[in-house]
Structure formats: C-alpha cells, structure tokens
PDB file of N, CA and C in Angstrom:
ATOM      1  N   MET A   1     116.176 110.144  -1.642  1.00  0.00           N
ATOM      2  CA  MET A   1     116.757 110.274  -0.317  1.00  0.00           C
ATOM      3  C   MET A   1     117.289 108.923   0.119  1.00  0.00           C
ATOM      4  N   LEU A   2     118.454 108.952   0.705  1.00  0.00           N
ATOM      5  CA  LEU A   2     119.077 107.743   1.222  1.00  0.00           C
ATOM      6  C   LEU A   2     119.174 107.858   2.730  1.00  0.00           C
ATOM      7  N   ARG A   3     118.799 106.792   3.392  1.00  0.00           N
ATOM      8  CA  ARG A   3     118.948 106.750   4.839  1.00  0.00           C
ATOM      9  C   ARG A   3     119.958 105.661   5.157  1.00  0.00           C
ATOM     10  N   LEU A   4     121.029 106.036   5.803  1.00  0.00           N
ATOM     11  CA  LEU A   4     122.114 105.122   6.116  1.00  0.00           C
ATOM     12  C   LEU A   4     122.151 104.914   7.619  1.00  0.00           C
ATOM     13  N   GLU A   5     122.048 103.662   8.026  1.00  0.00           N
ATOM     14  CA  GLU A   5     122.114 103.339   9.448  1.00  0.00           C
ATOM     15  C   GLU A   5     123.241 102.342   9.673  1.00  0.00           C
ATOM     16  N   TYR A   6     123.999 102.557  10.722  1.00  0.00           N
ATOM     17  CA  TYR A   6     125.054 101.629  11.096  1.00  0.00           C
ATOM     18  C   TYR A   6     125.371 101.828  12.565  1.00  0.00           C
ATOM     19  N   ASP A   7     126.056 100.867  13.146  1.00  0.00           N
ATOM     20  CA  ASP A   7     126.453 100.953  14.546  1.00  0.00           C
ATOM     21  C   ASP A   7     127.861 101.530  14.619  1.00  0.00           C
ATOM     22  N   ARG A   8     127.990 102.624  15.326  1.00  0.00           N
ATOM     23  CA  ARG A   8     129.312 103.239  15.519  1.00  0.00           C
ATOM     24  C   ARG A   8     130.101 102.398  16.501  1.00  0.00           C
ATOM     25  N   GLU A   9     131.352 102.214  16.188  1.00  0.00           N
ATOM     26  CA  GLU A   9     132.213 101.431  17.064  1.00  0.00           C
ATOM     27  C   GLU A   9     133.402 102.275  17.479  1.00  0.00           C
ATOM     28  N   GLY A  10     133.310 102.857  18.625  1.00  0.00           N
ATOM     29  CA  GLY A  10     134.443 103.572  19.173  1.00  0.00           C
ATOM     30  C   GLY A  10     134.439 105.066  18.921  1.00  0.00           C
ATOM     31  N   LEU A  11     135.436 105.695  19.488  1.00  0.00           N
ATOM     32  CA  LEU A  11     135.579 107.147  19.460  1.00  0.00           C
ATOM     33  C   LEU A  11     135.848 107.675  18.053  1.00  0.00           C
ATOM     34  N   VAL A  12     136.642 106.959  17.273  1.00  0.00           N
ATOM     35  CA  VAL A  12     137.005 107.429  15.927  1.00  0.00           C
ATOM     36  C   VAL A  12     135.767 107.547  15.044  1.00  0.00           C
ATOM     37  N   GLU A  13     134.910 106.549  15.044  1.00  0.00           N
ATOM     38  CA  GLU A  13     133.704 106.601  14.222  1.00  0.00           C
ATOM     39  C   GLU A  13     132.723 107.659  14.731  1.00  0.00           C
ATOM     40  N   THR A  14     132.611 107.809  16.032  1.00  0.00           N
ATOM     41  CA  THR A  14     131.729 108.828  16.592  1.00  0.00           C
ATOM     42  C   THR A  14     132.202 110.227  16.193  1.00  0.00           C
ATOM     43  N   ASP A  15     133.506 110.463  16.292  1.00  0.00           N
ATOM     44  CA  ASP A  15     134.056 111.761  15.896  1.00  0.00           C
ATOM     45  C   ASP A  15     133.928 111.977  14.390  1.00  0.00           C
ATOM     46  N   GLY A  16     134.072 110.914  13.609  1.00  0.00           N
ATOM     47  CA  GLY A  16     133.931 111.014  12.164  1.00  0.00           C
ATOM     48  C   GLY A  16     132.541 111.473  11.763  1.00  0.00           C
ATOM     49  N   VAL A  17     131.523 111.000  12.458  1.00  0.00           N
ATOM     50  CA  VAL A  17     130.147 111.424  12.194  1.00  0.00           C
ATOM     51  C   VAL A  17     129.988 112.898  12.541  1.00  0.00           C
ATOM     52  N   LYS A  18     130.513 113.303  13.677  1.00  0.00           N
ATOM     53  CA  LYS A  18     130.392 114.699  14.109  1.00  0.00           C
ATOM     54  C   LYS A  18     131.079 115.657  13.142  1.00  0.00           C
ATOM     55  N   LEU A  19     132.175 115.210  12.533  1.00  0.00           N
ATOM     56  CA  LEU A  19     132.926 116.055  11.601  1.00  0.00           C
ATOM     57  C   LEU A  19     132.401 115.968  10.168  1.00  0.00           C
ATOM     58  N   GLY A  20     131.423 115.110   9.927  1.00  0.00           N
ATOM     59  CA  GLY A  20     130.803 115.019   8.611  1.00  0.00           C
ATOM     60  C   GLY A  20     131.500 114.100   7.622  1.00  0.00           C
ATOM     61  N   PHE A  21     132.454 113.298   8.095  1.00  0.00           N
ATOM     62  CA  PHE A  21     133.175 112.408   7.188  1.00  0.00           C
ATOM     63  C   PHE A  21     132.265 111.361   6.556  1.00  0.00           C
ATOM     64  N   VAL A  22     131.370 110.799   7.352  1.00  0.00           N
ATOM     65  CA  VAL A  22     130.494 109.741   6.854  1.00  0.00           C
ATOM     66  C   VAL A  22     129.564 110.283   5.772  1.00  0.00           C
ATOM     67  N   LYS A  23     129.001 111.451   6.004  1.00  0.00           N
ATOM     68  CA  LYS A  23     128.095 112.049   5.020  1.00  0.00           C
ATOM     69  C   LYS A  23     128.831 112.353   3.721  1.00  0.00           C
ATOM     70  N   ARG A  24     130.021 112.923   3.823  1.00  0.00           N
ATOM     71  CA  ARG A  24     130.788 113.242   2.611  1.00  0.00           C
ATOM     72  C   ARG A  24     131.187 111.985   1.851  1.00  0.00           C
ATOM     73  N   GLN A  25     131.570 110.945   2.568  1.00  0.00           N
ATOM     74  CA  GLN A  25     131.945 109.687   1.911  1.00  0.00           C
ATOM     75  C   GLN A  25     130.742 109.086   1.196  1.00  0.00           C
ATOM     76  N   ALA A  26     129.592 109.056   1.847  1.00  0.00           N
ATOM     77  CA  ALA A  26     128.388 108.494   1.230  1.00  0.00           C
ATOM     78  C   ALA A  26     127.962 109.318   0.023  1.00  0.00           C
ATOM     79  N   THR A  27     128.026 110.638   0.122  1.00  0.00           N
ATOM     80  CA  THR A  27     127.657 111.510  -0.994  1.00  0.00           C
ATOM     81  C   THR A  27     128.572 111.271  -2.191  1.00  0.00           C
ATOM     82  N   GLY A  28     129.862 111.198  -1.944  1.00  0.00           N
ATOM     83  CA  GLY A  28     130.820 110.943  -3.020  1.00  0.00           C
ATOM     84  C   GLY A  28     130.609 109.576  -3.661  1.00  0.00           C
ATOM     85  N   ASP A  29     130.352 108.561  -2.832  1.00  0.00           N
ATOM     86  CA  ASP A  29     130.109 107.216  -3.358  1.00  0.00           C
ATOM     87  C   ASP A  29     128.867 107.195  -4.240  1.00  0.00           C
ATOM     88  N   LEU A  30     127.810 107.877  -3.818  1.00  0.00           N
ATOM     89  CA  LEU A  30     126.577 107.915  -4.617  1.00  0.00           C
ATOM     90  C   LEU A  30     126.782 108.639  -5.937  1.00  0.00           C
ATOM     91  N   LYS A  31     127.545 109.727  -5.933  1.00  0.00           N
ATOM     92  CA  LYS A  31     127.819 110.450  -7.184  1.00  0.00           C
ATOM     93  C   LYS A  31     128.608 109.574  -8.146  1.00  0.00           C
ATOM     94  N   ARG A  32     129.626 108.877  -7.636  1.00  0.00           N
ATOM     95  CA  ARG A  32     130.419 107.995  -8.497  1.00  0.00           C
ATOM     96  C   ARG A  32     129.575 106.844  -9.035  1.00  0.00           C
ATOM     97  N   TYR A  33     128.680 106.301  -8.218  1.00  0.00           N
ATOM     98  CA  TYR A  33     127.797 105.230  -8.667  1.00  0.00           C
ATOM     99  C   TYR A  33     126.869 105.732  -9.767  1.00  0.00           C
ATOM    100  N   LYS A  34     126.319 106.919  -9.575  1.00  0.00           N
ATOM    101  CA  LYS A  34     125.416 107.490 -10.577  1.00  0.00           C
ATOM    102  C   LYS A  34     126.144 107.673 -11.906  1.00  0.00           C
ATOM    103  N   GLN A  35     127.353 108.204 -11.859  1.00  0.00           N
ATOM    104  CA  GLN A  35     128.128 108.413 -13.087  1.00  0.00           C
ATOM    105  C   GLN A  35     128.439 107.088 -13.779  1.00  0.00           C
ATOM    106  N   SER A  36     128.737 106.067 -13.020  1.00  0.00           N
ATOM    107  CA  SER A  36     129.097 104.785 -13.626  1.00  0.00           C
ATOM    108  C   SER A  36     127.885 104.026 -14.144  1.00  0.00           C
ATOM    109  N   SER A  37     126.695 104.335 -13.632  1.00  0.00           N
ATOM    110  CA  SER A  37     125.511 103.592 -14.053  1.00  0.00           C
ATOM    111  C   SER A  37     124.705 104.299 -15.138  1.00  0.00           C
ATOM    112  N   GLU A  38     125.016 105.565 -15.431  1.00  0.00           N
ATOM    113  CA  GLU A  38     124.287 106.277 -16.480  1.00  0.00           C
ATOM    114  C   GLU A  38     124.807 105.846 -17.849  1.00  0.00           C
ATOM    115  N   PRO A  39     123.913 105.729 -18.813  1.00  0.00           N
ATOM    116  CA  PRO A  39     124.367 105.365 -20.154  1.00  0.00           C
ATOM    117  C   PRO A  39     125.216 106.485 -20.760  1.00  0.00           C
ATOM    118  N   VAL A  40     126.190 106.083 -21.523  1.00  0.00           N
ATOM    119  CA  VAL A  40     127.093 107.037 -22.163  1.00  0.00           C
ATOM    120  C   VAL A  40     126.659 107.205 -23.620  1.00  0.00           C
ATOM    121  N   ALA A  41     126.522 108.439 -24.065  1.00  0.00           N
ATOM    122  CA  ALA A  41     126.137 108.706 -25.455  1.00  0.00           C
ATOM    123  C   ALA A  41     127.280 108.279 -26.365  1.00  0.00           C
ATOM    124  N   PRO A  42     126.958 107.604 -27.468  1.00  0.00           N
ATOM    125  CA  PRO A  42     128.022 107.188 -28.390  1.00  0.00           C
ATOM    126  C   PRO A  42     128.696 108.387 -29.033  1.00  0.00           C
ATOM    127  N   ARG A  43     129.993 108.310 -29.203  1.00  0.00           N
ATOM    128  CA  ARG A  43     130.759 109.374 -29.842  1.00  0.00           C
ATOM    129  C   ARG A  43     130.855 109.082 -31.341  1.00  0.00           C
ATOM    130  N   PRO A  44     130.873 110.138 -32.162  1.00  0.00           N
ATOM    131  CA  PRO A  44     131.079 109.902 -33.594  1.00  0.00           C
ATOM    132  C   PRO A  44     132.466 109.311 -33.838  1.00  0.00           C
ATOM    133  N   ALA A  45     132.553 108.508 -34.860  1.00  0.00           N
ATOM    134  CA  ALA A  45     133.836 107.895 -35.211  1.00  0.00           C
ATOM    135  C   ALA A  45     134.831 108.973 -35.620  1.00  0.00           C
ATOM    136  N   ALA A  46     136.091 108.739 -35.334  1.00  0.00           N
ATOM    137  CA  ALA A  46     137.138 109.699 -35.686  1.00  0.00           C
ATOM    138  C   ALA A  46     137.171 109.875 -37.204  1.00  0.00           C
ATOM    139  N   GLY A  47     137.213 111.095 -37.660  1.00  0.00           N
ATOM    140  CA  GLY A  47     137.271 111.389 -39.084  1.00  0.00           C
ATOM    141  C   GLY A  47     135.933 111.339 -39.779  1.00  0.00           C
ATOM    142  N   ALA A  48     134.867 111.082 -39.036  1.00  0.00           N
ATOM    143  CA  ALA A  48     133.533 111.032 -39.655  1.00  0.00           C
ATOM    144  C   ALA A  48     133.080 112.443 -39.972  1.00  0.00           C
ATOM    145  N   ALA A  49     132.465 112.609 -41.115  1.00  0.00           N
ATOM    146  CA  ALA A  49     131.953 113.927 -41.516  1.00  0.00           C
ATOM    147  C   ALA A  49     130.686 114.242 -40.733  1.00  0.00           C
ATOM    148  N   SER A  50     130.598 115.467 -40.248  1.00  0.00           N
ATOM    149  CA  SER A  50     129.386 115.851 -39.537  1.00  0.00           C
ATOM    150  C   SER A  50     128.491 116.639 -40.485  1.00  0.00           C
ATOM    151  N   SER A  51     127.170 116.543 -40.277  1.00  0.00           N
ATOM    152  CA  SER A  51     126.232 117.211 -41.167  1.00  0.00           C
ATOM    153  C   SER A  51     125.941 118.601 -40.745  1.00  0.00           C
TER     154      SER A  51
END
C-alpha cells in the first residue's frame, strides 16, 4: 500500500483529486516502475536449437 500526501494548490489540483486524476497517475507510475525494476528473463539466442 502506498500513501501519498501533498498540499493541493488551487482549484485545478483540487478538481483533479475529485476526478481521480492523481490516483490514476500514481497507479500508472507505480506499474511502470514495477515493470522497469523487475528482472528480465534472458532470451535464447537467435537460431539456437531448443531441446
């Protein structure tokens, strides 16, 4: 679980929270971070024989 706290500045940020923009942005950022930080399984070399 992630808890995000920040000070809203103005009407635009307040409305953005009400419309769910902040939550969607944070969720997307976390998914992209997870994908970039997970190890990638090595691929077999091109033309390599499989068993």
